[in-house]
PDB file of N, CA and C in Angstrom:
ATOM      1  N   MET A   1      12.019  -2.902   1.984  1.00  0.00           N
ATOM      2  CA  MET A   1      11.523  -3.056   3.333  1.00  0.00           C
ATOM      3  C   MET A   1      10.561  -4.239   3.341  1.00  0.00           C
ATOM      4  N   ASN A   2      10.776  -5.163   4.257  1.00  0.00           N
ATOM      5  CA  ASN A   2       9.874  -6.296   4.380  1.00  0.00           C
ATOM      6  C   ASN A   2       8.873  -6.050   5.510  1.00  0.00           C
ATOM      7  N   ARG A   3       7.997  -7.016   5.753  1.00  0.00           N
ATOM      8  CA  ARG A   3       6.937  -6.852   6.747  1.00  0.00           C
ATOM      9  C   ARG A   3       7.491  -6.573   8.148  1.00  0.00           C
ATOM     10  N   ALA A   4       8.505  -7.323   8.556  1.00  0.00           N
ATOM     11  CA  ALA A   4       9.086  -7.150   9.890  1.00  0.00           C
ATOM     12  C   ALA A   4       9.706  -5.764  10.037  1.00  0.00           C
ATOM     13  N   GLU A   5      10.395  -5.291   8.998  1.00  0.00           N
ATOM     14  CA  GLU A   5      10.988  -3.961   9.041  1.00  0.00           C
ATOM     15  C   GLU A   5       9.911  -2.877   9.087  1.00  0.00           C
ATOM     16  N   LEU A   6       8.812  -3.086   8.363  1.00  0.00           N
ATOM     17  CA  LEU A   6       7.695  -2.145   8.393  1.00  0.00           C
ATOM     18  C   LEU A   6       7.080  -2.077   9.787  1.00  0.00           C
ATOM     19  N   ILE A   7       6.878  -3.226  10.407  1.00  0.00           N
ATOM     20  CA  ILE A   7       6.317  -3.276  11.755  1.00  0.00           C
ATOM     21  C   ILE A   7       7.227  -2.546  12.736  1.00  0.00           C
ATOM     22  N   THR A   8       8.527  -2.769  12.637  1.00  0.00           N
ATOM     23  CA  THR A   8       9.487  -2.090  13.510  1.00  0.00           C
ATOM     24  C   THR A   8       9.446  -0.576  13.299  1.00  0.00           C
ATOM     25  N   GLU A   9       9.406  -0.150  12.048  1.00  0.00           N
ATOM     26  CA  GLU A   9       9.360   1.280  11.725  1.00  0.00           C
ATOM     27  C   GLU A   9       8.106   1.943  12.294  1.00  0.00           C
ATOM     28  N   VAL A  10       6.953   1.311  12.099  1.00  0.00           N
ATOM     29  CA  VAL A  10       5.693   1.877  12.600  1.00  0.00           C
ATOM     30  C   VAL A  10       5.683   1.881  14.126  1.00  0.00           C
ATOM     31  N   ALA A  11       6.194   0.814  14.744  1.00  0.00           N
ATOM     32  CA  ALA A  11       6.254   0.756  16.208  1.00  0.00           C
ATOM     33  C   ALA A  11       7.140   1.871  16.757  1.00  0.00           C
ATOM     34  N   ASP A  12       8.255   2.133  16.096  1.00  0.00           N
ATOM     35  CA  ASP A  12       9.145   3.219  16.530  1.00  0.00           C
ATOM     36  C   ASP A  12       8.474   4.586  16.377  1.00  0.00           C
ATOM     37  N   LEU A  13       7.746   4.783  15.280  1.00  0.00           N
ATOM     38  CA  LEU A  13       7.089   6.070  15.039  1.00  0.00           C
ATOM     39  C   LEU A  13       5.927   6.321  15.995  1.00  0.00           C
ATOM     40  N   THR A  14       5.183   5.264  16.314  1.00  0.00           N
ATOM     41  CA  THR A  14       3.973   5.444  17.119  1.00  0.00           C
ATOM     42  C   THR A  14       4.181   5.200  18.606  1.00  0.00           C
ATOM     43  N   GLY A  15       5.256   4.498  18.960  1.00  0.00           N
ATOM     44  CA  GLY A  15       5.479   4.163  20.364  1.00  0.00           C
ATOM     45  C   GLY A  15       4.623   2.994  20.829  1.00  0.00           C
ATOM     46  N   GLN A  16       3.968   2.312  19.906  1.00  0.00           N
ATOM     47  CA  GLN A  16       3.141   1.150  20.244  1.00  0.00           C
ATOM     48  C   GLN A  16       4.001  -0.110  20.230  1.00  0.00           C
ATOM     49  N   PRO A  17       3.570  -1.142  20.969  1.00  0.00           N
ATOM     50  CA  PRO A  17       4.322  -2.403  20.931  1.00  0.00           C
ATOM     51  C   PRO A  17       4.219  -3.057  19.546  1.00  0.00           C
ATOM     52  N   LYS A  18       5.272  -3.780  19.179  1.00  0.00           N
ATOM     53  CA  LYS A  18       5.308  -4.434  17.870  1.00  0.00           C
ATOM     54  C   LYS A  18       4.147  -5.404  17.690  1.00  0.00           C
ATOM     55  N   THR A  19       3.720  -6.079  18.757  1.00  0.00           N
ATOM     56  CA  THR A  19       2.612  -7.038  18.631  1.00  0.00           C
ATOM     57  C   THR A  19       1.328  -6.326  18.231  1.00  0.00           C
ATOM     58  N   GLN A  20       1.095  -5.154  18.800  1.00  0.00           N
ATOM     59  CA  GLN A  20      -0.107  -4.388  18.465  1.00  0.00           C
ATOM     60  C   GLN A  20      -0.035  -3.873  17.027  1.00  0.00           C
ATOM     61  N   VAL A  21       1.123  -3.399  16.609  1.00  0.00           N
ATOM     62  CA  VAL A  21       1.306  -2.925  15.243  1.00  0.00           C
ATOM     63  C   VAL A  21       1.122  -4.084  14.265  1.00  0.00           C
ATOM     64  N   SER A  22       1.655  -5.251  14.591  1.00  0.00           N
ATOM     65  CA  SER A  22       1.524  -6.428  13.741  1.00  0.00           C
ATOM     66  C   SER A  22       0.060  -6.826  13.577  1.00  0.00           C
ATOM     67  N   THR A  23      -0.688  -6.801  14.668  1.00  0.00           N
ATOM     68  CA  THR A  23      -2.107  -7.144  14.624  1.00  0.00           C
ATOM     69  C   THR A  23      -2.873  -6.135  13.774  1.00  0.00           C
ATOM     70  N   THR A  24      -2.573  -4.859  13.953  1.00  0.00           N
ATOM     71  CA  THR A  24      -3.237  -3.809  13.185  1.00  0.00           C
ATOM     72  C   THR A  24      -2.927  -3.932  11.699  1.00  0.00           C
ATOM     73  N   LEU A  25      -1.670  -4.167  11.366  1.00  0.00           N
ATOM     74  CA  LEU A  25      -1.270  -4.324   9.969  1.00  0.00           C
ATOM     75  C   LEU A  25      -1.961  -5.534   9.342  1.00  0.00           C
ATOM     76  N   SER A  26      -2.006  -6.645  10.072  1.00  0.00           N
ATOM     77  CA  SER A  26      -2.669  -7.851   9.562  1.00  0.00           C
ATOM     78  C   SER A  26      -4.154  -7.603   9.317  1.00  0.00           C
ATOM     79  N   ALA A  27      -4.809  -6.894  10.245  1.00  0.00           N
ATOM     80  CA  ALA A  27      -6.229  -6.582  10.086  1.00  0.00           C
ATOM     81  C   ALA A  27      -6.463  -5.674   8.889  1.00  0.00           C
ATOM     82  N   MET A  28      -5.584  -4.685   8.702  1.00  0.00           N
ATOM     83  CA  MET A  28      -5.714  -3.776   7.573  1.00  0.00           C
ATOM     84  C   MET A  28      -5.569  -4.528   6.247  1.00  0.00           C
ATOM     85  N   LEU A  29      -4.532  -5.359   6.144  1.00  0.00           N
ATOM     86  CA  LEU A  29      -4.317  -6.127   4.919  1.00  0.00           C
ATOM     87  C   LEU A  29      -5.459  -7.104   4.665  1.00  0.00           C
ATOM     88  N   HIS A  30      -5.987  -7.703   5.729  1.00  0.00           N
ATOM     89  CA  HIS A  30      -7.116  -8.627   5.608  1.00  0.00           C
ATOM     90  C   HIS A  30      -8.340  -7.893   5.060  1.00  0.00           C
ATOM     91  N   SER A  31      -8.602  -6.698   5.575  1.00  0.00           N
ATOM     92  CA  SER A  31      -9.748  -5.904   5.124  1.00  0.00           C
ATOM     93  C   SER A  31      -9.596  -5.478   3.667  1.00  0.00           C
ATOM     94  N   ILE A  32      -8.413  -5.023   3.292  1.00  0.00           N
ATOM     95  CA  ILE A  32      -8.167  -4.608   1.905  1.00  0.00           C
ATOM     96  C   ILE A  32      -8.306  -5.800   0.966  1.00  0.00           C
ATOM     97  N   THR A  33      -7.725  -6.944   1.342  1.00  0.00           N
ATOM     98  CA  THR A  33      -7.802  -8.143   0.509  1.00  0.00           C
ATOM     99  C   THR A  33      -9.242  -8.592   0.319  1.00  0.00           C
ATOM    100  N   GLY A  34     -10.016  -8.589   1.405  1.00  0.00           N
ATOM    101  CA  GLY A  34     -11.425  -8.994   1.321  1.00  0.00           C
ATOM    102  C   GLY A  34     -12.228  -8.081   0.412  1.00  0.00           C
ATOM    103  N   ALA A  35     -11.996  -6.780   0.521  1.00  0.00           N
ATOM    104  CA  ALA A  35     -12.723  -5.825  -0.320  1.00  0.00           C
ATOM    105  C   ALA A  35     -12.366  -6.007  -1.794  1.00  0.00           C
ATOM    106  N   ILE A  36     -11.084  -6.197  -2.088  1.00  0.00           N
ATOM    107  CA  ILE A  36     -10.658  -6.391  -3.476  1.00  0.00           C
ATOM    108  C   ILE A  36     -11.235  -7.686  -4.034  1.00  0.00           C
ATOM    109  N   ALA A  37     -11.264  -8.733  -3.222  1.00  0.00           N
ATOM    110  CA  ALA A  37     -11.810 -10.017  -3.663  1.00  0.00           C
ATOM    111  C   ALA A  37     -13.292  -9.886  -4.028  1.00  0.00           C
ATOM    112  N   LYS A  38     -14.011  -8.996  -3.348  1.00  0.00           N
ATOM    113  CA  LYS A  38     -15.432  -8.760  -3.644  1.00  0.00           C
ATOM    114  C   LYS A  38     -15.620  -7.865  -4.862  1.00  0.00           C
ATOM    115  N   GLY A  39     -14.550  -7.288  -5.368  1.00  0.00           N
ATOM    116  CA  GLY A  39     -14.636  -6.397  -6.516  1.00  0.00           C
ATOM    117  C   GLY A  39     -14.752  -4.940  -6.136  1.00  0.00           C
ATOM    118  N   GLU A  40     -14.580  -4.613  -4.863  1.00  0.00           N
ATOM    119  CA  GLU A  40     -14.651  -3.229  -4.410  1.00  0.00           C
ATOM    120  C   GLU A  40     -13.294  -2.549  -4.583  1.00  0.00           C
ATOM    121  N   LYS A  41     -13.323  -1.225  -4.672  1.00  0.00           N
ATOM    122  CA  LYS A  41     -12.097  -0.439  -4.702  1.00  0.00           C
ATOM    123  C   LYS A  41     -11.826   0.051  -3.290  1.00  0.00           C
ATOM    124  N   VAL A  42     -10.557   0.090  -2.914  1.00  0.00           N
ATOM    125  CA  VAL A  42     -10.157   0.646  -1.626  1.00  0.00           C
ATOM    126  C   VAL A  42      -9.275   1.848  -1.934  1.00  0.00           C
ATOM    127  N   THR A  43      -9.752   3.035  -1.563  1.00  0.00           N
ATOM    128  CA  THR A  43      -9.030   4.272  -1.856  1.00  0.00           C
ATOM    129  C   THR A  43      -8.508   4.879  -0.572  1.00  0.00           C
ATOM    130  N   LEU A  44      -7.216   5.090  -0.514  1.00  0.00           N
ATOM    131  CA  LEU A  44      -6.570   5.796   0.588  1.00  0.00           C
ATOM    132  C   LEU A  44      -6.119   7.126  -0.004  1.00  0.00           C
ATOM    133  N   VAL A  45      -6.869   8.184   0.292  1.00  0.00           N
ATOM    134  CA  VAL A  45      -6.650   9.488  -0.328  1.00  0.00           C
ATOM    135  C   VAL A  45      -5.196   9.931  -0.144  1.00  0.00           C
ATOM    136  N   GLY A  46      -4.588  10.335  -1.237  1.00  0.00           N
ATOM    137  CA  GLY A  46      -3.200  10.783  -1.225  1.00  0.00           C
ATOM    138  C   GLY A  46      -2.207   9.644  -1.416  1.00  0.00           C
ATOM    139  N   PHE A  47      -2.604   8.424  -1.048  1.00  0.00           N
ATOM    140  CA  PHE A  47      -1.697   7.284  -1.181  1.00  0.00           C
ATOM    141  C   PHE A  47      -1.980   6.526  -2.472  1.00  0.00           C
ATOM    142  N   GLY A  48      -3.224   6.072  -2.648  1.00  0.00           N
ATOM    143  CA  GLY A  48      -3.552   5.364  -3.873  1.00  0.00           C
ATOM    144  C   GLY A  48      -4.804   4.520  -3.747  1.00  0.00           C
ATOM    145  N   THR A  49      -5.087   3.765  -4.810  1.00  0.00           N
ATOM    146  CA  THR A  49      -6.283   2.944  -4.891  1.00  0.00           C
ATOM    147  C   THR A  49      -5.908   1.500  -5.204  1.00  0.00           C
ATOM    148  N   PHE A  50      -6.462   0.587  -4.429  1.00  0.00           N
ATOM    149  CA  PHE A  50      -6.327  -0.838  -4.680  1.00  0.00           C
ATOM    150  C   PHE A  50      -7.615  -1.286  -5.356  1.00  0.00           C
ATOM    151  N   GLU A  51      -7.502  -2.089  -6.410  1.00  0.00           N
ATOM    152  CA  GLU A  51      -8.690  -2.552  -7.113  1.00  0.00           C
ATOM    153  C   GLU A  51      -8.429  -3.895  -7.772  1.00  0.00           C
ATOM    154  N   ARG A  52      -9.522  -4.503  -8.263  1.00  0.00           N
ATOM    155  CA  ARG A  52      -9.419  -5.767  -8.982  1.00  0.00           C
ATOM    156  C   ARG A  52      -9.656  -5.482 -10.453  1.00  0.00           C
ATOM    157  N   ARG A  53      -8.764  -5.999 -11.292  1.00  0.00           N
ATOM    158  CA  ARG A  53      -8.915  -5.851 -12.743  1.00  0.00           C
ATOM    159  C   ARG A  53      -9.072  -7.229 -13.372  1.00  0.00           C
ATOM    160  N   THR A  54      -9.740  -7.259 -14.516  1.00  0.00           N
ATOM    161  CA  THR A  54      -9.967  -8.515 -15.228  1.00  0.00           C
ATOM    162  C   THR A  54      -9.074  -8.566 -16.454  1.00  0.00           C
ATOM    163  N   ARG A  55      -8.332  -9.642 -16.571  1.00  0.00           N
ATOM    164  CA  ARG A  55      -7.512  -9.864 -17.770  1.00  0.00           C
ATOM    165  C   ARG A  55      -8.308 -10.745 -18.721  1.00  0.00           C
ATOM    166  N   GLN A  56      -8.293 -10.394 -19.983  1.00  0.00           N
ATOM    167  CA  GLN A  56      -8.988 -11.171 -20.993  1.00  0.00           C
ATOM    168  C   GLN A  56      -8.230 -12.468 -21.290  1.00  0.00           C
ATOM    169  N   ALA A  57      -8.957 -13.471 -21.757  1.00  0.00           N
ATOM    170  CA  ALA A  57      -8.307 -14.706 -22.202  1.00  0.00           C
ATOM    171  C   ALA A  57      -7.459 -14.377 -23.426  1.00  0.00           C
ATOM    172  N   ARG A  58      -6.339 -15.066 -23.553  1.00  0.00           N
ATOM    173  CA  ARG A  58      -5.461 -14.777 -24.676  1.00  0.00           C
ATOM    174  C   ARG A  58      -4.682 -16.034 -25.063  1.00  0.00           C
ATOM    175  N   THR A  59      -3.991 -15.936 -26.168  1.00  0.00           N
ATOM    176  CA  THR A  59      -3.173 -17.049 -26.635  1.00  0.00           C
ATOM    177  C   THR A  59      -1.716 -16.725 -26.345  1.00  0.00           C
ATOM    178  N   GLY A  60      -1.028 -17.671 -25.719  1.00  0.00           N
ATOM    179  CA  GLY A  60       0.389 -17.509 -25.441  1.00  0.00           C
ATOM    180  C   GLY A  60       1.176 -18.600 -26.138  1.00  0.00           C
ATOM    181  N   ARG A  61       2.446 -18.686 -25.825  1.00  0.00           N
ATOM    182  CA  ARG A  61       3.295 -19.729 -26.412  1.00  0.00           C
ATOM    183  C   ARG A  61       4.076 -20.424 -25.324  1.00  0.00           C
ATOM    184  N   ASN A  62       4.194 -21.732 -25.446  1.00  0.00           N
ATOM    185  CA  ASN A  62       5.042 -22.507 -24.561  1.00  0.00           C
ATOM    186  C   ASN A  62       6.481 -22.163 -24.952  1.00  0.00           C
ATOM    187  N   PRO A  63       7.286 -21.618 -24.034  1.00  0.00           N
ATOM    188  CA  PRO A  63       8.636 -21.190 -24.418  1.00  0.00           C
ATOM    189  C   PRO A  63       9.552 -22.348 -24.827  1.00  0.00           C
ATOM    190  N   ARG A  64       9.247 -23.539 -24.350  1.00  0.00           N
ATOM    191  CA  ARG A  64      10.106 -24.671 -24.680  1.00  0.00           C
ATOM    192  C   ARG A  64       9.809 -25.225 -26.073  1.00  0.00           C
ATOM    193  N   THR A  65       8.503 -25.381 -26.375  1.00  0.00           N
ATOM    194  CA  THR A  65       8.127 -26.005 -27.652  1.00  0.00           C
ATOM    195  C   THR A  65       7.606 -24.993 -28.669  1.00  0.00           C
ATOM    196  N   LEU A  66       7.345 -23.779 -28.222  1.00  0.00           N
ATOM    197  CA  LEU A  66       6.764 -22.716 -29.036  1.00  0.00           C
ATOM    198  C   LEU A  66       5.350 -23.046 -29.520  1.00  0.00           C
ATOM    199  N   ALA A  67       4.761 -24.071 -28.927  1.00  0.00           N
ATOM    200  CA  ALA A  67       3.383 -24.438 -29.279  1.00  0.00           C
ATOM    201  C   ALA A  67       2.430 -23.406 -28.656  1.00  0.00           C
ATOM    202  N   PRO A  68       1.403 -23.017 -29.401  1.00  0.00           N
ATOM    203  CA  PRO A  68       0.444 -22.062 -28.827  1.00  0.00           C
ATOM    204  C   PRO A  68      -0.363 -22.716 -27.708  1.00  0.00           C
ATOM    205  N   LEU A  69      -0.702 -21.919 -26.704  1.00  0.00           N
ATOM    206  CA  LEU A  69      -1.546 -22.421 -25.631  1.00  0.00           C
ATOM    207  C   LEU A  69      -2.505 -21.331 -25.198  1.00  0.00           C
ATOM    208  N   ARG A  70      -3.645 -21.772 -24.698  1.00  0.00           N
ATOM    209  CA  ARG A  70      -4.682 -20.824 -24.308  1.00  0.00           C
ATOM    210  C   ARG A  70      -4.476 -20.423 -22.855  1.00  0.00           C
ATOM    211  N   ILE A  71      -4.412 -19.122 -22.601  1.00  0.00           N
ATOM    212  CA  ILE A  71      -4.300 -18.595 -21.244  1.00  0.00           C
ATOM    213  C   ILE A  71      -5.688 -18.087 -20.872  1.00  0.00           C
ATOM    214  N   PRO A  72      -6.306 -18.656 -19.842  1.00  0.00           N
ATOM    215  CA  PRO A  72      -7.679 -18.277 -19.503  1.00  0.00           C
ATOM    216  C   PRO A  72      -7.751 -16.872 -18.903  1.00  0.00           C
ATOM    217  N   ALA A  73      -8.950 -16.295 -18.916  1.00  0.00           N
ATOM    218  CA  ALA A  73      -9.184 -14.994 -18.300  1.00  0.00           C
ATOM    219  C   ALA A  73      -8.932 -15.115 -16.801  1.00  0.00           C
ATOM    220  N   SER A  74      -8.510 -14.022 -16.186  1.00  0.00           N
ATOM    221  CA  SER A  74      -8.251 -14.048 -14.744  1.00  0.00           C
ATOM    222  C   SER A  74      -8.505 -12.682 -14.142  1.00  0.00           C
ATOM    223  N   LYS A  75      -8.645 -12.670 -12.831  1.00  0.00           N
ATOM    224  CA  LYS A  75      -8.810 -11.426 -12.088  1.00  0.00           C
ATOM    225  C   LYS A  75      -7.524 -11.204 -11.307  1.00  0.00           C
ATOM    226  N   VAL A  76      -6.989  -9.987 -11.377  1.00  0.00           N
ATOM    227  CA  VAL A  76      -5.719  -9.681 -10.723  1.00  0.00           C
ATOM    228  C   VAL A  76      -5.845  -8.428  -9.867  1.00  0.00           C
ATOM    229  N   PRO A  77      -5.113  -8.366  -8.752  1.00  0.00           N
ATOM    230  CA  PRO A  77      -5.113  -7.130  -7.955  1.00  0.00           C
ATOM    231  C   PRO A  77      -4.261  -6.069  -8.643  1.00  0.00           C
ATOM    232  N   ALA A  78      -4.653  -4.811  -8.461  1.00  0.00           N
ATOM    233  CA  ALA A  78      -3.908  -3.708  -9.074  1.00  0.00           C
ATOM    234  C   ALA A  78      -3.847  -2.550  -8.088  1.00  0.00           C
ATOM    235  N   PHE A  79      -2.813  -1.737  -8.224  1.00  0.00           N
ATOM    236  CA  PHE A  79      -2.648  -0.558  -7.385  1.00  0.00           C
ATOM    237  C   PHE A  79      -2.361   0.634  -8.277  1.00  0.00           C
ATOM    238  N   ARG A  80      -3.064   1.728  -8.036  1.00  0.00           N
ATOM    239  CA  ARG A  80      -2.838   2.964  -8.773  1.00  0.00           C
ATOM    240  C   ARG A  80      -2.436   4.027  -7.751  1.00  0.00           C
ATOM    241  N   ALA A  81      -1.234   4.541  -7.867  1.00  0.00           N
ATOM    242  CA  ALA A  81      -0.706   5.508  -6.903  1.00  0.00           C
ATOM    243  C   ALA A  81      -1.464   6.825  -6.971  1.00  0.00           C
ATOM    244  N   GLY A  82      -1.639   7.452  -5.807  1.00  0.00           N
ATOM    245  CA  GLY A  82      -2.286   8.756  -5.715  1.00  0.00           C
ATOM    246  C   GLY A  82      -1.313   9.873  -6.047  1.00  0.00           C
ATOM    247  N   MET A  83      -1.846  11.064  -6.242  1.00  0.00           N
ATOM    248  CA  MET A  83      -1.025  12.207  -6.646  1.00  0.00           C
ATOM    249  C   MET A  83       0.036  12.564  -5.602  1.00  0.00           C
ATOM    250  N   GLU A  84      -0.326  12.519  -4.326  1.00  0.00           N
ATOM    251  CA  GLU A  84       0.635  12.865  -3.277  1.00  0.00           C
ATOM    252  C   GLU A  84       1.811  11.893  -3.269  1.00  0.00           C
ATOM    253  N   LEU A  85       1.526  10.593  -3.373  1.00  0.00           N
ATOM    254  CA  LEU A  85       2.578   9.579  -3.408  1.00  0.00           C
ATOM    255  C   LEU A  85       3.462   9.763  -4.638  1.00  0.00           C
ATOM    256  N   LYS A  86       2.841  10.009  -5.780  1.00  0.00           N
ATOM    257  CA  LYS A  86       3.610  10.222  -7.011  1.00  0.00           C
ATOM    258  C   LYS A  86       4.538  11.426  -6.878  1.00  0.00           C
ATOM    259  N   SER A  87       4.030  12.514  -6.299  1.00  0.00           N
ATOM    260  CA  SER A  87       4.836  13.724  -6.143  1.00  0.00           C
ATOM    261  C   SER A  87       6.040  13.484  -5.252  1.00  0.00           C
ATOM    262  N   ILE A  88       5.851  12.749  -4.172  1.00  0.00           N
ATOM    263  CA  ILE A  88       6.954  12.464  -3.246  1.00  0.00           C
ATOM    264  C   ILE A  88       7.989  11.560  -3.906  1.00  0.00           C
ATOM    265  N   VAL A  89       7.517  10.528  -4.602  1.00  0.00           N
ATOM    266  CA  VAL A  89       8.430   9.588  -5.260  1.00  0.00           C
ATOM    267  C   VAL A  89       9.217  10.277  -6.372  1.00  0.00           C
ATOM    268  N   ASN A  90       8.573  11.189  -7.094  1.00  0.00           N
ATOM    269  CA  ASN A  90       9.246  11.899  -8.191  1.00  0.00           C
ATOM    270  C   ASN A  90      10.122  13.044  -7.718  1.00  0.00           C
ATOM    271  N   GLY A  91      10.120  13.329  -6.424  1.00  0.00           N
ATOM    272  CA  GLY A  91      10.954  14.391  -5.885  1.00  0.00           C
ATOM    273  C   GLY A  91      10.359  15.775  -6.050  1.00  0.00           C
ATOM    274  N   LYS A  92       9.106  15.876  -6.462  1.00  0.00           N
ATOM    275  CA  LYS A  92       8.464  17.179  -6.633  1.00  0.00           C
ATOM    276  C   LYS A  92       7.932  17.723  -5.314  1.00  0.00           C
ATOM    277  N   ALA A  93       7.752  16.843  -4.340  1.00  0.00           N
ATOM    278  CA  ALA A  93       7.269  17.241  -3.014  1.00  0.00           C
ATOM    279  C   ALA A  93       8.098  16.499  -1.978  1.00  0.00           C
ATOM    280  N   ARG A  94       8.071  17.009  -0.759  1.00  0.00           N
ATOM    281  CA  ARG A  94       8.810  16.357   0.320  1.00  0.00           C
ATOM    282  C   ARG A  94       7.819  15.748   1.287  1.00  0.00           C
ATOM    283  N   GLN A  95       8.184  14.593   1.818  1.00  0.00           N
ATOM    284  CA  GLN A  95       7.354  13.952   2.825  1.00  0.00           C
ATOM    285  C   GLN A  95       7.553  14.687   4.138  1.00  0.00           C
ATOM    286  N   GLY A  96       6.465  15.091   4.743  1.00  0.00           N
ATOM    287  CA  GLY A  96       6.551  15.844   5.987  1.00  0.00           C
ATOM    288  C   GLY A  96       6.951  14.964   7.160  1.00  0.00           C
ATOM    289  N   ASN A  97       7.319  15.606   8.265  1.00  0.00           N
ATOM    290  CA  ASN A  97       7.627  14.870   9.487  1.00  0.00           C
ATOM    291  C   ASN A  97       6.350  14.294  10.041  1.00  0.00           C
ATOM    292  N   TRP A  98       6.458  13.155  10.670  1.00  0.00           N
ATOM    293  CA  TRP A  98       5.287  12.482  11.209  1.00  0.00           C
ATOM    294  C   TRP A  98       5.348  12.499  12.718  1.00  0.00           C
ATOM    295  N   SER A  99       4.222  12.789  13.339  1.00  0.00           N
ATOM    296  CA  SER A  99       4.141  12.695  14.789  1.00  0.00           C
ATOM    297  C   SER A  99       2.855  11.947  15.124  1.00  0.00           C
ATOM    298  N   ALA A 100       2.904  11.166  16.176  1.00  0.00           N
ATOM    299  CA  ALA A 100       1.750  10.362  16.580  1.00  0.00           C
ATOM    300  C   ALA A 100       0.600  11.269  16.983  1.00  0.00           C
ATOM    301  N   PRO A 101      -0.634  10.913  16.597  1.00  0.00           N
ATOM    302  CA  PRO A 101      -1.789  11.702  17.022  1.00  0.00           C
ATOM    303  C   PRO A 101      -1.858  11.735  18.549  1.00  0.00           C
ATOM    304  N   GLY A 102      -2.153  12.881  19.084  1.00  0.00           N
ATOM    305  CA  GLY A 102      -2.232  13.017  20.536  1.00  0.00           C
ATOM    306  C   GLY A 102      -0.913  13.404  21.174  1.00  0.00           C
ATOM    307  N   ALA A 103       0.174  13.304  20.398  1.00  0.00           N
ATOM    308  CA  ALA A 103       1.477  13.707  20.937  1.00  0.00           C
ATOM    309  C   ALA A 103       1.529  15.223  20.965  1.00  0.00           C
ATOM    310  N   LYS A 104       2.048  15.755  22.035  1.00  0.00           N
ATOM    311  CA  LYS A 104       2.120  17.204  22.161  1.00  0.00           C
ATOM    312  C   LYS A 104       3.269  17.740  21.314  1.00  0.00           C
ATOM    313  N   ALA A 105       2.939  18.692  20.462  1.00  0.00           N
ATOM    314  CA  ALA A 105       3.964  19.319  19.628  1.00  0.00           C
ATOM    315  C   ALA A 105       4.721  20.344  20.461  1.00  0.00           C
ATOM    316  N   LYS A 106       5.995  20.481  20.167  1.00  0.00           N
ATOM    317  CA  LYS A 106       6.806  21.471  20.866  1.00  0.00           C
ATOM    318  C   LYS A 106       6.415  22.859  20.378  1.00  0.00           C
ATOM    319  N   LYS A 107       6.146  23.736  21.312  1.00  0.00           N
ATOM    320  CA  LYS A 107       5.787  25.103  20.953  1.00  0.00           C
ATOM    321  C   LYS A 107       7.056  25.927  20.812  1.00  0.00           C
ATOM    322  N   LYS A 108       7.069  26.748  19.772  1.00  0.00           N
ATOM    323  CA  LYS A 108       8.214  27.637  19.547  1.00  0.00           C
ATOM    324  C   LYS A 108       8.003  28.886  20.387  1.00  0.00           C
ATOM    325  N   SER A 109       9.028  29.276  21.054  1.00  0.00           N
ATOM    326  CA  SER A 109       8.928  30.498  21.853  1.00  0.00           C
ATOM    327  C   SER A 109       9.070  31.714  20.938  1.00  0.00           C
ATOM    328  N   LYS A 110       8.422  32.797  21.320  1.00  0.00           N
ATOM    329  CA  LYS A 110       8.457  34.003  20.491  1.00  0.00           C
ATOM    330  C   LYS A 110       9.425  35.029  21.053  1.00  0.00           C
ATOM    331  N   ARG A 111      10.538  34.570  21.529  1.00  0.00           N
ATOM    332  CA  ARG A 111      11.566  35.486  22.053  1.00  0.00           C
ATOM    333  C   ARG A 111      12.293  36.152  20.912  1.00  0.00           C
ATOM    334  N   ARG A 112      12.681  37.400  21.168  1.00  0.00           N
ATOM    335  CA  ARG A 112      13.412  38.131  20.127  1.00  0.00           C
ATOM    336  C   ARG A 112      14.787  38.449  20.573  1.00  0.00           C
TER     337      ARG A 112
END
């Protein structure tokens, strides 16, 4: 699923216009990116945690010449999946039906 497909899916689920969903998604990604760049963790309970990790400097090899080369230390984004997401992906749990907040749920009649 790419960004456009995600926007369409969320717009269909929420009944919001695609432009509003696109703006919201962009703002969310901007906020997460900014927090990670500052070294903060962003935790979405049940989904997972976004964080910044530091890679140590190391020695690599040029694949063409096999000459050793120094790879400098770097900071990389990382994602650690939450338990709920892991359970759904592994088939141990089922993803529930989603309804937009504020939408009236259908009441079941108690007829016998």
